[in-house]
Amino acid sequence: MKFGATGKFPAGKLNETDKGEIVCGISYDMENDLIRIEFGTPLTWMAMEPEHAADFANTILNKVKLSNALKL
């Protein structure tokens, strides 16, 4: 999967700096013990509806739980 801007604006264009929808990946890097978020493009800000923010946060928390489970 390719990360980065899709060129779509599912919530409409918020302002002139809005680059639209971003496809990102969230993973656990076991070797360096880090949660990695890959955006595929430089970002200065991001916004999302509360439902999507909760999903984003839960995905990060699930990677943290995975990292903890793998350390046992």
C-alpha atoms as a PDB file:
ATOM      1  CA  MET A   1       0.000   0.000   0.000  1.00  0.00           C
ATOM      2  CA  LYS A   2       1.248   3.477  -0.845  1.00  0.00           C
ATOM      3  CA  PHE A   3       1.148   6.057   1.939  1.00  0.00           C
ATOM      4  CA  GLY A   4       0.500   9.752   1.358  1.00  0.00           C
ATOM      5  CA  ALA A   5      -2.070  12.119  -0.051  1.00  0.00           C
ATOM      6  CA  THR A   6      -4.901  10.596  -2.086  1.00  0.00           C
ATOM      7  CA  GLY A   7      -6.102  13.836  -3.674  1.00  0.00           C
ATOM      8  CA  LYS A   8      -9.536  13.320  -2.089  1.00  0.00           C
ATOM      9  CA  PHE A   9     -11.240  15.680   0.358  1.00  0.00           C
ATOM     10  CA  PRO A  10     -13.861  13.547   2.145  1.00  0.00           C
ATOM     11  CA  ALA A  11     -14.755  16.349   4.613  1.00  0.00           C
ATOM     12  CA  GLY A  12     -14.353  19.110   2.031  1.00  0.00           C
ATOM     13  CA  LYS A  13     -11.306  21.361   1.744  1.00  0.00           C
ATOM     14  CA  LEU A  14     -10.858  23.059   5.133  1.00  0.00           C
ATOM     15  CA  ASN A  15      -8.493  25.817   3.952  1.00  0.00           C
ATOM     16  CA  GLU A  16      -5.825  26.579   1.345  1.00  0.00           C
ATOM     17  CA  THR A  17      -3.229  24.443   3.174  1.00  0.00           C
ATOM     18  CA  ASP A  18      -5.454  21.351   3.257  1.00  0.00           C
ATOM     19  CA  LYS A  19      -3.790  18.573   1.252  1.00  0.00           C
ATOM     20  CA  GLY A  20      -6.748  16.250   1.631  1.00  0.00           C
ATOM     21  CA  GLU A  21      -7.004  12.675   2.758  1.00  0.00           C
ATOM     22  CA  ILE A  22      -3.795  10.931   3.839  1.00  0.00           C
ATOM     23  CA  VAL A  23      -3.278   7.179   3.834  1.00  0.00           C
ATOM     24  CA  CYS A  24      -0.938   6.273   6.679  1.00  0.00           C
ATOM     25  CA  GLY A  25       0.411   3.151   8.308  1.00  0.00           C
ATOM     26  CA  ILE A  26       0.925   2.413  11.994  1.00  0.00           C
ATOM     27  CA  SER A  27       3.275  -0.372  13.001  1.00  0.00           C
ATOM     28  CA  TYR A  28       5.425  -1.651  15.850  1.00  0.00           C
ATOM     29  CA  ASP A  29       9.175  -1.711  15.171  1.00  0.00           C
ATOM     30  CA  MET A  30      10.399  -4.552  17.413  1.00  0.00           C
ATOM     31  CA  GLU A  31      14.084  -3.953  16.694  1.00  0.00           C
ATOM     32  CA  ASN A  32      13.982  -0.363  17.975  1.00  0.00           C
ATOM     33  CA  ASP A  33      10.988  -0.744  20.327  1.00  0.00           C
ATOM     34  CA  LEU A  34       9.086   2.095  18.644  1.00  0.00           C
ATOM     35  CA  ILE A  35       5.566   2.716  17.409  1.00  0.00           C
ATOM     36  CA  ARG A  36       6.034   3.999  13.852  1.00  0.00           C
ATOM     37  CA  ILE A  37       3.518   6.181  12.025  1.00  0.00           C
ATOM     38  CA  GLU A  38       4.271   6.572   8.318  1.00  0.00           C
ATOM     39  CA  PHE A  39       2.426   9.405   6.559  1.00  0.00           C
ATOM     40  CA  GLY A  40       4.201   9.212   3.217  1.00  0.00           C
ATOM     41  CA  THR A  41       4.379  13.004   2.986  1.00  0.00           C
ATOM     42  CA  PRO A  42       5.439  15.934   5.178  1.00  0.00           C
ATOM     43  CA  LEU A  43       2.587  17.221   7.354  1.00  0.00           C
ATOM     44  CA  THR A  44       2.124  20.516   9.148  1.00  0.00           C
ATOM     45  CA  TRP A  45      -1.289  19.611  10.590  1.00  0.00           C
ATOM     46  CA  MET A  46      -3.985  16.989  10.415  1.00  0.00           C
ATOM     47  CA  ALA A  47      -7.663  16.975  11.275  1.00  0.00           C
ATOM     48  CA  MET A  48     -10.296  14.275  11.439  1.00  0.00           C
ATOM     49  CA  GLU A  49     -13.784  13.651  12.666  1.00  0.00           C
ATOM     50  CA  PRO A  50     -13.981  12.444  16.295  1.00  0.00           C
ATOM     51  CA  GLU A  51     -14.901   8.907  15.183  1.00  0.00           C
ATOM     52  CA  HIS A  52     -11.781   8.677  13.008  1.00  0.00           C
ATOM     53  CA  ALA A  53      -9.634  10.231  15.747  1.00  0.00           C
ATOM     54  CA  ALA A  54     -10.827   7.506  18.131  1.00  0.00           C
ATOM     55  CA  ASP A  55      -9.988   4.825  15.540  1.00  0.00           C
ATOM     56  CA  PHE A  56      -6.536   6.373  15.000  1.00  0.00           C
ATOM     57  CA  ALA A  57      -5.884   6.472  18.755  1.00  0.00           C
ATOM     58  CA  ASN A  58      -7.121   2.894  19.235  1.00  0.00           C
ATOM     59  CA  THR A  59      -4.851   1.660  16.457  1.00  0.00           C
ATOM     60  CA  ILE A  60      -1.866   3.283  18.162  1.00  0.00           C
ATOM     61  CA  LEU A  61      -2.902   1.831  21.535  1.00  0.00           C
ATOM     62  CA  ASN A  62      -3.246  -1.630  19.986  1.00  0.00           C
ATOM     63  CA  LYS A  63       0.350  -1.389  18.725  1.00  0.00           C
ATOM     64  CA  VAL A  64       1.437  -0.420  22.251  1.00  0.00           C
ATOM     65  CA  LYS A  65      -0.387  -3.481  23.638  1.00  0.00           C
ATOM     66  CA  LEU A  66       1.332  -5.629  21.004  1.00  0.00           C
ATOM     67  CA  SER A  67       4.730  -4.241  21.984  1.00  0.00           C
ATOM     68  CA  ASN A  68       4.027  -5.002  25.649  1.00  0.00           C
ATOM     69  CA  ALA A  69       2.817  -8.536  24.862  1.00  0.00           C
ATOM     70  CA  LEU A  70       5.926  -9.301  22.811  1.00  0.00           C
ATOM     71  CA  LYS A  71       8.166  -8.235  25.706  1.00  0.00           C
ATOM     72  CA  LEU A  72       6.666 -10.812  28.118  1.00  0.00           C
END
